Amino acid sequence: MSEEKKSGRRRWPDGYDPGRTRSQLVDSALRLFEEQGFDRTSLQQIVSEAGLTKGAFYHHFQSKEDLLWQIQDEYLASQWEAAVAIAESGRDPIQKIRSLILLSLEGVAEHRPHVAIFQQERRNLTGERLADVTAKRDRVDLLFRDTVQAAIDAGQLRADASPRLVTFGILGMCAWAFQWFRPGGSMKIQDVADQFSAMVLDGLAVDRAAFPSK
C-alpha cells in the first residue's frame, strides 16, 4: 500500500501535501504568536518561518485572524470531546472532578502554546469567530459546573458552595498553570492535578471519608 493511501492524504503530482502544509503554517503561527503576540506577528513572518508562500497560506486560511480562530477552535474541540467522555463515564462525581482537573492541566502540559494563545490572544477575535469560541468555552465551563453541582447534590460537597464560583476557581487555577509549569521539571502534571484537587475538594468536603480514592 502506498504511503499516500496509508495516511489518507492526497498528494499532488508536484509533491504538494496540503495536510503537511497546513500543519507547517499552524506550527509556525503557534511559535510566533506565543513568542511575539498576535498583533506583532505579521503574515509574512508566519509564511517565512514555515518556509512557504502567502499563496499557500491563503489556500488554507482566509486571514491571520482566521488562522488564530482555527487554532483555538481545534484545541477547544479536543478538550470538549475528552470532557464529555469524562462526564458520561458513569463514575462518581468527585472522581469526575479530579479527572476534569487533570484534563485541563494535561492541556497545559501537552499543548502549552495553544493554552497560552487562547488565554492571551482571544481578544483579537471579532464577530462570529469571537462568538463561536466564547460559546464553546462556555459549553466546557457549563460541563464543569454541572459536575460540581452533581457532587453537591450527592452530598459530597458543601451545600452552600456555589457551583459557578467553584468552577471559576478550578478553571482559573488550571489555566494559569501555563505561566509556570514546565514539562520535565521536578513536579509532574499528575502531582499538580492531585494538589489542585485536594485544595478544592478537601476545602469543600462534607465528609472526606466519603471521597473515593484517587
N, C-alpha and C. Protein backbone atom coordinates (compact mmCIF):
# COMPACT_ATOMS: atom_id res chain seq x y z
N MET A 1 0.86 -1.20 0.00
CA MET A 1 0.00 0.00 0.00
C MET A 1 0.89 1.24 0.00
N SER A 2 0.54 2.23 -0.83
CA SER A 2 1.35 3.43 -0.91
C SER A 2 1.25 4.25 0.36
N GLU A 3 2.27 5.12 0.56
CA GLU A 3 2.27 5.99 1.74
C GLU A 3 1.09 6.93 1.72
N GLU A 4 0.68 7.33 0.51
CA GLU A 4 -0.47 8.24 0.37
C GLU A 4 -1.74 7.58 0.88
N LYS A 5 -1.96 6.29 0.51
CA LYS A 5 -3.16 5.60 0.94
C LYS A 5 -3.13 5.33 2.44
N LYS A 6 -1.94 5.03 2.97
CA LYS A 6 -1.82 4.79 4.40
C LYS A 6 -2.21 6.03 5.21
N SER A 7 -1.75 7.17 4.76
CA SER A 7 -2.00 8.40 5.52
C SER A 7 -3.38 8.96 5.27
N GLY A 8 -3.99 8.61 4.14
CA GLY A 8 -5.30 9.16 3.81
C GLY A 8 -5.22 10.57 3.27
N ARG A 9 -3.98 11.06 2.98
CA ARG A 9 -3.82 12.41 2.48
C ARG A 9 -3.62 12.39 0.97
N ARG A 10 -4.17 13.36 0.33
CA ARG A 10 -3.97 13.49 -1.11
C ARG A 10 -2.63 14.18 -1.36
N ARG A 11 -1.83 13.60 -2.24
CA ARG A 11 -0.58 14.23 -2.65
C ARG A 11 -0.71 14.67 -4.11
N TRP A 12 -0.36 15.90 -4.34
CA TRP A 12 -0.47 16.45 -5.68
C TRP A 12 0.71 15.96 -6.53
N PRO A 13 0.56 16.00 -7.87
CA PRO A 13 1.62 15.49 -8.75
C PRO A 13 2.98 16.12 -8.50
N ASP A 14 3.00 17.39 -8.10
CA ASP A 14 4.29 18.05 -7.87
C ASP A 14 4.82 17.83 -6.46
N GLY A 15 4.18 16.94 -5.70
CA GLY A 15 4.66 16.64 -4.36
C GLY A 15 4.03 17.49 -3.27
N TYR A 16 3.15 18.40 -3.64
CA TYR A 16 2.50 19.26 -2.65
C TYR A 16 1.59 18.42 -1.74
N ASP A 17 1.71 18.64 -0.45
CA ASP A 17 0.92 17.90 0.54
C ASP A 17 0.11 18.91 1.35
N PRO A 18 -1.19 19.06 1.07
CA PRO A 18 -1.99 20.09 1.76
C PRO A 18 -2.00 19.93 3.27
N GLY A 19 -2.10 18.68 3.76
CA GLY A 19 -2.13 18.47 5.21
C GLY A 19 -0.86 18.91 5.87
N ARG A 20 0.26 18.54 5.27
CA ARG A 20 1.55 18.93 5.84
C ARG A 20 1.74 20.45 5.78
N THR A 21 1.33 21.05 4.67
CA THR A 21 1.45 22.50 4.53
C THR A 21 0.66 23.23 5.61
N ARG A 22 -0.55 22.76 5.83
CA ARG A 22 -1.38 23.39 6.86
C ARG A 22 -0.73 23.25 8.24
N SER A 23 -0.20 22.07 8.53
CA SER A 23 0.46 21.84 9.82
C SER A 23 1.67 22.75 9.99
N GLN A 24 2.42 22.95 8.92
CA GLN A 24 3.58 23.84 8.98
C GLN A 24 3.16 25.27 9.30
N LEU A 25 2.08 25.71 8.70
CA LEU A 25 1.59 27.08 8.96
C LEU A 25 1.10 27.22 10.39
N VAL A 26 0.36 26.22 10.87
CA VAL A 26 -0.15 26.25 12.25
C VAL A 26 1.00 26.23 13.23
N ASP A 27 1.98 25.37 13.02
CA ASP A 27 3.13 25.29 13.93
C ASP A 27 3.91 26.60 13.95
N SER A 28 4.09 27.20 12.79
CA SER A 28 4.77 28.48 12.70
C SER A 28 4.02 29.56 13.47
N ALA A 29 2.70 29.61 13.27
CA ALA A 29 1.88 30.61 13.97
C ALA A 29 1.89 30.39 15.48
N LEU A 30 1.84 29.14 15.92
CA LEU A 30 1.87 28.85 17.34
C LEU A 30 3.15 29.39 17.98
N ARG A 31 4.28 29.15 17.34
CA ARG A 31 5.55 29.64 17.88
C ARG A 31 5.59 31.17 17.92
N LEU A 32 5.19 31.78 16.82
CA LEU A 32 5.30 33.24 16.74
C LEU A 32 4.27 33.96 17.60
N PHE A 33 3.03 33.47 17.62
CA PHE A 33 2.00 34.09 18.46
C PHE A 33 2.39 34.00 19.93
N GLU A 34 2.96 32.86 20.34
CA GLU A 34 3.35 32.71 21.74
C GLU A 34 4.53 33.60 22.08
N GLU A 35 5.50 33.69 21.18
CA GLU A 35 6.71 34.45 21.46
C GLU A 35 6.50 35.96 21.32
N GLN A 36 5.76 36.37 20.28
CA GLN A 36 5.66 37.79 19.95
C GLN A 36 4.28 38.39 20.20
N GLY A 37 3.27 37.54 20.27
CA GLY A 37 1.91 38.03 20.34
C GLY A 37 1.29 38.12 18.95
N PHE A 38 -0.02 38.07 18.91
CA PHE A 38 -0.74 38.10 17.64
C PHE A 38 -0.51 39.41 16.88
N ASP A 39 -0.63 40.53 17.58
CA ASP A 39 -0.52 41.84 16.93
C ASP A 39 0.84 42.07 16.30
N ARG A 40 1.90 41.59 16.96
CA ARG A 40 3.26 41.87 16.49
C ARG A 40 3.77 40.82 15.49
N THR A 41 2.94 39.86 15.18
CA THR A 41 3.32 38.84 14.20
C THR A 41 2.67 39.15 12.86
N SER A 42 3.48 39.26 11.84
CA SER A 42 2.94 39.54 10.51
C SER A 42 2.69 38.25 9.74
N LEU A 43 1.86 38.35 8.74
CA LEU A 43 1.58 37.21 7.88
C LEU A 43 2.87 36.75 7.20
N GLN A 44 3.69 37.72 6.79
CA GLN A 44 4.95 37.37 6.13
C GLN A 44 5.86 36.56 7.05
N GLN A 45 5.90 36.91 8.34
CA GLN A 45 6.71 36.16 9.28
C GLN A 45 6.21 34.72 9.40
N ILE A 46 4.89 34.54 9.42
CA ILE A 46 4.33 33.20 9.54
C ILE A 46 4.74 32.32 8.36
N VAL A 47 4.59 32.83 7.15
CA VAL A 47 4.92 32.00 5.98
C VAL A 47 6.43 31.82 5.84
N SER A 48 7.21 32.83 6.20
CA SER A 48 8.67 32.69 6.12
C SER A 48 9.17 31.65 7.11
N GLU A 49 8.64 31.69 8.34
CA GLU A 49 9.01 30.72 9.37
C GLU A 49 8.66 29.30 8.92
N ALA A 50 7.56 29.18 8.19
CA ALA A 50 7.12 27.86 7.71
C ALA A 50 7.82 27.45 6.42
N GLY A 51 8.56 28.39 5.81
CA GLY A 51 9.21 28.09 4.53
C GLY A 51 8.22 27.98 3.39
N LEU A 52 7.14 28.76 3.47
CA LEU A 52 6.08 28.68 2.46
C LEU A 52 5.79 30.07 1.89
N THR A 53 4.75 30.16 1.09
CA THR A 53 4.38 31.42 0.45
C THR A 53 3.01 31.89 0.93
N LYS A 54 2.72 33.13 0.67
CA LYS A 54 1.39 33.65 1.02
C LYS A 54 0.30 32.93 0.23
N GLY A 55 0.62 32.50 -0.99
CA GLY A 55 -0.35 31.74 -1.77
C GLY A 55 -0.74 30.46 -1.06
N ALA A 56 0.24 29.78 -0.46
CA ALA A 56 -0.04 28.56 0.30
C ALA A 56 -0.89 28.88 1.52
N PHE A 57 -0.59 30.01 2.16
CA PHE A 57 -1.36 30.42 3.34
C PHE A 57 -2.83 30.61 2.95
N TYR A 58 -3.10 31.36 1.91
CA TYR A 58 -4.48 31.67 1.55
C TYR A 58 -5.22 30.48 0.96
N HIS A 59 -4.50 29.41 0.65
CA HIS A 59 -5.17 28.18 0.25
C HIS A 59 -5.87 27.53 1.44
N HIS A 60 -5.37 27.81 2.67
CA HIS A 60 -5.89 27.17 3.88
C HIS A 60 -6.63 28.12 4.81
N PHE A 61 -6.27 29.40 4.79
CA PHE A 61 -6.84 30.35 5.75
C PHE A 61 -7.23 31.63 5.04
N GLN A 62 -8.29 32.25 5.53
CA GLN A 62 -8.75 33.50 4.94
C GLN A 62 -7.91 34.69 5.36
N SER A 63 -7.39 34.63 6.59
CA SER A 63 -6.67 35.76 7.14
C SER A 63 -5.90 35.29 8.37
N LYS A 64 -5.11 36.18 8.93
CA LYS A 64 -4.39 35.86 10.16
C LYS A 64 -5.37 35.60 11.30
N GLU A 65 -6.47 36.34 11.35
CA GLU A 65 -7.48 36.11 12.37
C GLU A 65 -8.15 34.74 12.19
N ASP A 66 -8.37 34.36 10.94
CA ASP A 66 -8.97 33.05 10.67
C ASP A 66 -8.05 31.94 11.17
N LEU A 67 -6.75 32.11 10.99
CA LEU A 67 -5.78 31.14 11.49
C LEU A 67 -5.84 31.06 13.01
N LEU A 68 -5.89 32.21 13.67
CA LEU A 68 -5.99 32.23 15.13
C LEU A 68 -7.26 31.52 15.59
N TRP A 69 -8.36 31.77 14.91
CA TRP A 69 -9.62 31.13 15.28
C TRP A 69 -9.54 29.62 15.11
N GLN A 70 -8.98 29.17 14.00
CA GLN A 70 -8.91 27.73 13.76
C GLN A 70 -8.02 27.03 14.78
N ILE A 71 -6.94 27.68 15.19
CA ILE A 71 -6.08 27.11 16.23
C ILE A 71 -6.88 26.93 17.52
N GLN A 72 -7.62 27.96 17.91
CA GLN A 72 -8.38 27.90 19.15
C GLN A 72 -9.54 26.93 19.02
N ASP A 73 -10.18 26.90 17.87
CA ASP A 73 -11.33 26.02 17.66
C ASP A 73 -10.92 24.56 17.78
N GLU A 74 -9.80 24.20 17.20
CA GLU A 74 -9.34 22.81 17.24
C GLU A 74 -8.97 22.39 18.65
N TYR A 75 -8.35 23.29 19.40
CA TYR A 75 -7.99 22.96 20.78
C TYR A 75 -9.25 22.78 21.63
N LEU A 76 -10.21 23.68 21.50
CA LEU A 76 -11.44 23.57 22.27
C LEU A 76 -12.21 22.30 21.89
N ALA A 77 -12.18 21.94 20.62
CA ALA A 77 -12.89 20.73 20.19
C ALA A 77 -12.30 19.49 20.85
N SER A 78 -10.97 19.42 20.93
CA SER A 78 -10.35 18.26 21.55
C SER A 78 -10.63 18.21 23.05
N GLN A 79 -10.61 19.37 23.71
CA GLN A 79 -10.91 19.43 25.13
C GLN A 79 -12.36 19.03 25.40
N TRP A 80 -13.26 19.49 24.54
CA TRP A 80 -14.68 19.19 24.72
C TRP A 80 -14.94 17.70 24.57
N GLU A 81 -14.36 17.08 23.59
CA GLU A 81 -14.55 15.65 23.37
C GLU A 81 -14.09 14.84 24.58
N ALA A 82 -12.93 15.19 25.12
CA ALA A 82 -12.40 14.48 26.29
C ALA A 82 -13.24 14.75 27.53
N ALA A 83 -13.71 16.00 27.68
CA ALA A 83 -14.52 16.35 28.85
C ALA A 83 -15.86 15.62 28.83
N VAL A 84 -16.47 15.49 27.66
CA VAL A 84 -17.74 14.78 27.54
C VAL A 84 -17.55 13.31 27.90
N ALA A 85 -16.45 12.72 27.47
CA ALA A 85 -16.18 11.32 27.81
C ALA A 85 -16.09 11.13 29.32
N ILE A 86 -15.49 12.09 30.01
CA ILE A 86 -15.41 12.03 31.48
C ILE A 86 -16.80 12.18 32.08
N ALA A 87 -17.56 13.16 31.60
CA ALA A 87 -18.89 13.43 32.16
C ALA A 87 -19.84 12.26 31.97
N GLU A 88 -19.66 11.51 30.88
CA GLU A 88 -20.56 10.41 30.58
C GLU A 88 -20.01 9.06 31.04
N SER A 89 -18.95 9.08 31.82
CA SER A 89 -18.28 7.84 32.21
C SER A 89 -19.03 7.03 33.25
N GLY A 90 -19.99 7.66 33.96
CA GLY A 90 -20.73 6.95 35.00
C GLY A 90 -19.98 6.86 36.31
N ARG A 91 -18.84 7.53 36.39
CA ARG A 91 -18.08 7.49 37.63
C ARG A 91 -18.67 8.42 38.68
N ASP A 92 -18.15 8.31 39.87
CA ASP A 92 -18.55 9.17 40.98
C ASP A 92 -18.26 10.64 40.62
N PRO A 93 -19.15 11.58 41.04
CA PRO A 93 -18.91 13.00 40.71
C PRO A 93 -17.55 13.52 41.15
N ILE A 94 -17.08 13.09 42.32
CA ILE A 94 -15.78 13.56 42.79
C ILE A 94 -14.66 13.06 41.88
N GLN A 95 -14.77 11.81 41.45
CA GLN A 95 -13.79 11.27 40.51
C GLN A 95 -13.81 12.03 39.19
N LYS A 96 -15.01 12.42 38.77
CA LYS A 96 -15.12 13.20 37.53
C LYS A 96 -14.43 14.56 37.68
N ILE A 97 -14.61 15.20 38.82
CA ILE A 97 -13.96 16.49 39.05
C ILE A 97 -12.45 16.32 39.01
N ARG A 98 -11.94 15.27 39.66
CA ARG A 98 -10.49 15.01 39.62
C ARG A 98 -10.02 14.84 38.17
N SER A 99 -10.78 14.07 37.40
CA SER A 99 -10.39 13.80 36.01
C SER A 99 -10.46 15.06 35.15
N LEU A 100 -11.45 15.92 35.40
CA LEU A 100 -11.56 17.17 34.64
C LEU A 100 -10.42 18.12 34.97
N ILE A 101 -10.02 18.14 36.24
CA ILE A 101 -8.86 18.96 36.62
C ILE A 101 -7.61 18.45 35.92
N LEU A 102 -7.42 17.15 35.93
CA LEU A 102 -6.26 16.57 35.25
C LEU A 102 -6.30 16.87 33.76
N LEU A 103 -7.48 16.74 33.15
CA LEU A 103 -7.61 17.03 31.72
C LEU A 103 -7.18 18.46 31.41
N SER A 104 -7.63 19.41 32.21
CA SER A 104 -7.28 20.81 31.98
C SER A 104 -5.78 21.03 32.10
N LEU A 105 -5.17 20.39 33.08
CA LEU A 105 -3.74 20.56 33.28
C LEU A 105 -2.92 19.83 32.23
N GLU A 106 -3.42 18.69 31.76
CA GLU A 106 -2.73 17.99 30.68
C GLU A 106 -2.71 18.85 29.41
N GLY A 107 -3.76 19.64 29.23
CA GLY A 107 -3.76 20.56 28.10
C GLY A 107 -2.61 21.55 28.21
N VAL A 108 -2.34 22.03 29.42
CA VAL A 108 -1.23 22.95 29.64
C VAL A 108 0.10 22.25 29.38
N ALA A 109 0.23 21.02 29.86
CA ALA A 109 1.49 20.29 29.74
C ALA A 109 1.78 19.89 28.29
N GLU A 110 0.74 19.48 27.56
CA GLU A 110 0.94 18.92 26.23
C GLU A 110 0.72 19.92 25.11
N HIS A 111 -0.05 20.96 25.38
CA HIS A 111 -0.38 21.94 24.32
C HIS A 111 -0.21 23.36 24.86
N ARG A 112 0.93 23.61 25.50
CA ARG A 112 1.12 24.91 26.15
C ARG A 112 0.91 26.09 25.19
N PRO A 113 1.46 26.07 23.96
CA PRO A 113 1.23 27.21 23.07
C PRO A 113 -0.25 27.47 22.79
N HIS A 114 -1.04 26.39 22.63
CA HIS A 114 -2.48 26.56 22.40
C HIS A 114 -3.13 27.26 23.59
N VAL A 115 -2.78 26.81 24.81
CA VAL A 115 -3.38 27.39 26.02
C VAL A 115 -2.94 28.84 26.18
N ALA A 116 -1.65 29.10 25.99
CA ALA A 116 -1.14 30.47 26.12
C ALA A 116 -1.82 31.41 25.14
N ILE A 117 -1.95 30.96 23.90
CA ILE A 117 -2.59 31.79 22.87
C ILE A 117 -4.07 31.98 23.17
N PHE A 118 -4.72 30.92 23.65
CA PHE A 118 -6.14 31.04 24.00
C PHE A 118 -6.33 32.07 25.10
N GLN A 119 -5.48 32.04 26.11
CA GLN A 119 -5.63 32.95 27.23
C GLN A 119 -5.24 34.39 26.88
N GLN A 120 -4.22 34.55 26.05
CA GLN A 120 -3.66 35.87 25.81
C GLN A 120 -4.15 36.55 24.54
N GLU A 121 -4.56 35.77 23.56
CA GLU A 121 -4.85 36.35 22.25
C GLU A 121 -6.31 36.26 21.82
N ARG A 122 -7.16 35.66 22.66
CA ARG A 122 -8.58 35.51 22.30
C ARG A 122 -9.22 36.86 22.01
N ARG A 123 -8.75 37.90 22.67
CA ARG A 123 -9.31 39.24 22.48
C ARG A 123 -9.17 39.74 21.05
N ASN A 124 -8.27 39.12 20.27
CA ASN A 124 -8.06 39.56 18.89
C ASN A 124 -9.08 38.99 17.92
N LEU A 125 -9.94 38.11 18.40
CA LEU A 125 -11.00 37.59 17.55
C LEU A 125 -12.16 38.59 17.54
N THR A 126 -12.89 38.61 16.44
CA THR A 126 -14.02 39.53 16.30
C THR A 126 -15.22 38.80 15.71
N GLY A 127 -16.37 39.43 15.83
CA GLY A 127 -17.57 38.95 15.16
C GLY A 127 -17.94 37.52 15.45
N GLU A 128 -18.25 36.77 14.39
CA GLU A 128 -18.71 35.39 14.54
C GLU A 128 -17.62 34.49 15.12
N ARG A 129 -16.38 34.77 14.81
CA ARG A 129 -15.29 33.93 15.34
C ARG A 129 -15.21 34.07 16.86
N LEU A 130 -15.30 35.29 17.35
CA LEU A 130 -15.27 35.50 18.79
C LEU A 130 -16.48 34.86 19.45
N ALA A 131 -17.65 35.01 18.85
CA ALA A 131 -18.87 34.42 19.40
C ALA A 131 -18.76 32.89 19.44
N ASP A 132 -18.17 32.32 18.40
CA ASP A 132 -18.05 30.86 18.32
C ASP A 132 -17.12 30.33 19.42
N VAL A 133 -15.96 30.94 19.58
CA VAL A 133 -15.01 30.49 20.60
C VAL A 133 -15.59 30.70 22.00
N THR A 134 -16.25 31.82 22.21
CA THR A 134 -16.85 32.10 23.51
C THR A 134 -17.92 31.08 23.84
N ALA A 135 -18.75 30.72 22.86
CA ALA A 135 -19.80 29.74 23.09
C ALA A 135 -19.21 28.37 23.43
N LYS A 136 -18.16 27.99 22.75
CA LYS A 136 -17.54 26.69 23.00
C LYS A 136 -16.82 26.68 24.36
N ARG A 137 -16.21 27.78 24.71
CA ARG A 137 -15.59 27.87 26.03
C ARG A 137 -16.67 27.78 27.12
N ASP A 138 -17.78 28.48 26.91
CA ASP A 138 -18.87 28.45 27.90
C ASP A 138 -19.47 27.05 28.03
N ARG A 139 -19.49 26.31 26.93
CA ARG A 139 -20.01 24.95 26.96
C ARG A 139 -19.15 24.05 27.86
N VAL A 140 -17.83 24.22 27.75
CA VAL A 140 -16.92 23.47 28.62
C VAL A 140 -17.11 23.89 30.08
N ASP A 141 -17.22 25.21 30.30
CA ASP A 141 -17.43 25.71 31.66
C ASP A 141 -18.70 25.11 32.27
N LEU A 142 -19.77 25.03 31.48
CA LEU A 142 -21.03 24.50 31.98
C LEU A 142 -20.91 23.02 32.35
N LEU A 143 -20.15 22.28 31.58
CA LEU A 143 -19.96 20.87 31.90
C LEU A 143 -19.25 20.73 33.24
N PHE A 144 -18.22 21.55 33.48
CA PHE A 144 -17.56 21.56 34.78
C PHE A 144 -18.56 21.90 35.88
N ARG A 145 -19.36 22.93 35.64
CA ARG A 145 -20.30 23.40 36.66
C ARG A 145 -21.34 22.33 36.99
N ASP A 146 -21.83 21.64 35.97
CA ASP A 146 -22.81 20.58 36.20
C ASP A 146 -22.21 19.44 37.02
N THR A 147 -20.93 19.16 36.81
CA THR A 147 -20.26 18.10 37.56
C THR A 147 -20.10 18.50 39.02
N VAL A 148 -19.75 19.76 39.25
CA VAL A 148 -19.67 20.25 40.63
C VAL A 148 -21.04 20.19 41.30
N GLN A 149 -22.08 20.59 40.56
CA GLN A 149 -23.43 20.55 41.11
C GLN A 149 -23.83 19.12 41.46
N ALA A 150 -23.42 18.15 40.64
CA ALA A 150 -23.73 16.74 40.92
C ALA A 150 -23.08 16.29 42.21
N ALA A 151 -21.86 16.77 42.47
CA ALA A 151 -21.18 16.41 43.72
C ALA A 151 -21.89 17.03 44.92
N ILE A 152 -22.40 18.25 44.74
CA ILE A 152 -23.17 18.89 45.82
C ILE A 152 -24.47 18.13 46.05
N ASP A 153 -25.16 17.80 44.96
CA ASP A 153 -26.42 17.07 45.08
C ASP A 153 -26.23 15.70 45.72
N ALA A 154 -25.06 15.11 45.53
CA ALA A 154 -24.78 13.79 46.11
C ALA A 154 -24.35 13.89 47.57
N GLY A 155 -24.27 15.13 48.08
CA GLY A 155 -23.89 15.31 49.47
C GLY A 155 -22.40 15.18 49.74
N GLN A 156 -21.60 15.26 48.69
CA GLN A 156 -20.15 15.12 48.85
C GLN A 156 -19.46 16.46 49.04
N LEU A 157 -20.04 17.51 48.50
CA LEU A 157 -19.51 18.86 48.68
C LEU A 157 -20.55 19.70 49.42
N ARG A 158 -20.08 20.72 50.09
CA ARG A 158 -20.95 21.55 50.92
C ARG A 158 -22.11 22.12 50.13
N ALA A 159 -23.27 22.11 50.73
CA ALA A 159 -24.48 22.58 50.06
C ALA A 159 -24.45 24.07 49.79
N ASP A 160 -23.67 24.82 50.59
CA ASP A 160 -23.63 26.27 50.40
C ASP A 160 -22.57 26.68 49.37
N ALA A 161 -21.88 25.72 48.78
CA ALA A 161 -20.89 26.04 47.75
C ALA A 161 -21.59 26.49 46.47
N SER A 162 -21.04 27.51 45.83
CA SER A 162 -21.57 27.99 44.56
C SER A 162 -20.90 27.22 43.42
N PRO A 163 -21.65 26.42 42.66
CA PRO A 163 -21.03 25.68 41.54
C PRO A 163 -20.33 26.62 40.55
N ARG A 164 -20.92 27.77 40.33
CA ARG A 164 -20.33 28.73 39.39
C ARG A 164 -18.99 29.23 39.91
N LEU A 165 -18.94 29.59 41.19
CA LEU A 165 -17.70 30.11 41.77
C LEU A 165 -16.63 29.02 41.84
N VAL A 166 -17.03 27.82 42.23
CA VAL A 166 -16.07 26.71 42.29
C VAL A 166 -15.49 26.43 40.91
N THR A 167 -16.34 26.46 39.89
CA THR A 167 -15.88 26.24 38.53
C THR A 167 -14.90 27.31 38.09
N PHE A 168 -15.21 28.57 38.38
CA PHE A 168 -14.28 29.64 38.04
C PHE A 168 -12.94 29.44 38.73
N GLY A 169 -12.98 29.00 39.99
CA GLY A 169 -11.75 28.77 40.72
C GLY A 169 -10.92 27.65 40.11
N ILE A 170 -11.56 26.55 39.77
CA ILE A 170 -10.86 25.41 39.17
C ILE A 170 -10.24 25.80 37.83
N LEU A 171 -11.05 26.39 36.96
CA LEU A 171 -10.56 26.72 35.64
C LEU A 171 -9.48 27.80 35.69
N GLY A 172 -9.62 28.73 36.63
CA GLY A 172 -8.61 29.77 36.77
C GLY A 172 -7.26 29.20 37.20
N MET A 173 -7.28 28.30 38.18
CA MET A 173 -6.04 27.68 38.64
C MET A 173 -5.38 26.90 37.51
N CYS A 174 -6.19 26.12 36.81
CA CYS A 174 -5.64 25.27 35.75
C CYS A 174 -5.10 26.11 34.58
N ALA A 175 -5.84 27.13 34.19
CA ALA A 175 -5.41 27.96 33.07
C ALA A 175 -4.13 28.71 33.38
N TRP A 176 -4.00 29.19 34.61
CA TRP A 176 -2.82 29.99 34.98
C TRP A 176 -1.55 29.15 35.00
N ALA A 177 -1.69 27.83 35.06
CA ALA A 177 -0.52 26.95 35.12
C ALA A 177 0.38 27.10 33.90
N PHE A 178 -0.16 27.59 32.78
CA PHE A 178 0.69 27.75 31.60
C PHE A 178 1.79 28.77 31.85
N GLN A 179 1.62 29.63 32.85
CA GLN A 179 2.62 30.65 33.16
C GLN A 179 3.84 30.08 33.87
N TRP A 180 3.66 28.97 34.55
CA TRP A 180 4.78 28.50 35.37
C TRP A 180 5.13 27.02 35.20
N PHE A 181 4.19 26.21 34.74
CA PHE A 181 4.50 24.77 34.63
C PHE A 181 5.39 24.51 33.43
N ARG A 182 6.44 23.72 33.65
CA ARG A 182 7.34 23.32 32.58
C ARG A 182 7.50 21.80 32.58
N PRO A 183 7.11 21.14 31.51
CA PRO A 183 7.31 19.69 31.43
C PRO A 183 8.79 19.35 31.63
N GLY A 184 9.04 18.24 32.28
CA GLY A 184 10.42 17.85 32.52
C GLY A 184 10.97 18.36 33.83
N GLY A 185 10.18 19.16 34.55
CA GLY A 185 10.60 19.66 35.85
C GLY A 185 10.44 18.61 36.93
N SER A 186 10.69 19.02 38.16
CA SER A 186 10.63 18.08 39.28
C SER A 186 9.20 17.64 39.59
N MET A 187 8.22 18.48 39.25
CA MET A 187 6.83 18.16 39.53
C MET A 187 6.12 17.74 38.25
N LYS A 188 5.49 16.57 38.29
CA LYS A 188 4.74 16.07 37.14
C LYS A 188 3.34 16.66 37.14
N ILE A 189 2.70 16.63 35.97
CA ILE A 189 1.38 17.24 35.87
C ILE A 189 0.36 16.50 36.73
N GLN A 190 0.54 15.19 36.93
CA GLN A 190 -0.34 14.45 37.82
C GLN A 190 -0.20 14.95 39.25
N ASP A 191 1.02 15.31 39.67
CA ASP A 191 1.23 15.85 41.01
C ASP A 191 0.49 17.17 41.19
N VAL A 192 0.56 18.01 40.17
CA VAL A 192 -0.15 19.30 40.22
C VAL A 192 -1.65 19.04 40.30
N ALA A 193 -2.15 18.12 39.49
CA ALA A 193 -3.58 17.82 39.49
C ALA A 193 -4.02 17.29 40.85
N ASP A 194 -3.21 16.44 41.48
CA ASP A 194 -3.56 15.90 42.79
C ASP A 194 -3.64 17.02 43.83
N GLN A 195 -2.69 17.95 43.79
CA GLN A 195 -2.69 19.02 44.78
C GLN A 195 -3.83 20.01 44.54
N PHE A 196 -4.10 20.32 43.28
CA PHE A 196 -5.23 21.20 42.97
C PHE A 196 -6.54 20.55 43.43
N SER A 197 -6.67 19.25 43.14
CA SER A 197 -7.89 18.54 43.55
C SER A 197 -8.05 18.56 45.07
N ALA A 198 -6.94 18.37 45.78
CA ALA A 198 -7.01 18.38 47.24
C ALA A 198 -7.43 19.75 47.76
N MET A 199 -6.88 20.81 47.17
CA MET A 199 -7.24 22.16 47.62
C MET A 199 -8.74 22.42 47.45
N VAL A 200 -9.27 22.01 46.29
CA VAL A 200 -10.69 22.27 46.00
C VAL A 200 -11.59 21.33 46.80
N LEU A 201 -11.32 20.05 46.71
CA LEU A 201 -12.24 19.06 47.27
C LEU A 201 -12.15 18.96 48.78
N ASP A 202 -10.94 19.02 49.34
CA ASP A 202 -10.83 18.98 50.80
C ASP A 202 -11.44 20.24 51.42
N GLY A 203 -11.26 21.36 50.74
CA GLY A 203 -11.80 22.61 51.27
C GLY A 203 -13.32 22.66 51.28
N LEU A 204 -13.96 21.91 50.37
CA LEU A 204 -15.42 21.92 50.26
C LEU A 204 -16.06 20.63 50.75
N ALA A 205 -15.25 19.74 51.32
CA ALA A 205 -15.76 18.42 51.68
C ALA A 205 -16.80 18.47 52.79
N VAL A 206 -17.81 17.65 52.64
CA VAL A 206 -18.77 17.40 53.72
C VAL A 206 -18.24 16.30 54.63
N ASP A 207 -17.74 15.25 53.98
CA ASP A 207 -17.20 14.10 54.72
C ASP A 207 -16.06 13.53 53.88
N ARG A 208 -14.81 13.81 54.26
CA ARG A 208 -13.68 13.36 53.47
C ARG A 208 -13.64 11.85 53.34
N ALA A 209 -14.12 11.15 54.36
CA ALA A 209 -14.10 9.68 54.32
C ALA A 209 -14.99 9.15 53.22
N ALA A 210 -15.94 9.98 52.75
CA ALA A 210 -16.86 9.52 51.72
C ALA A 210 -16.24 9.64 50.31
N PHE A 211 -15.10 10.33 50.23
CA PHE A 211 -14.48 10.51 48.91
C PHE A 211 -13.83 9.22 48.46
N PRO A 212 -13.98 8.86 47.19
CA PRO A 212 -13.29 7.70 46.67
C PRO A 212 -11.80 7.99 46.57
N SER A 213 -11.00 6.96 46.59
CA SER A 213 -9.56 7.16 46.44
C SER A 213 -9.24 7.62 45.04
N LYS A 214 -8.04 8.14 44.84
CA LYS A 214 -7.66 8.69 43.55
C LYS A 214 -7.59 7.61 42.49
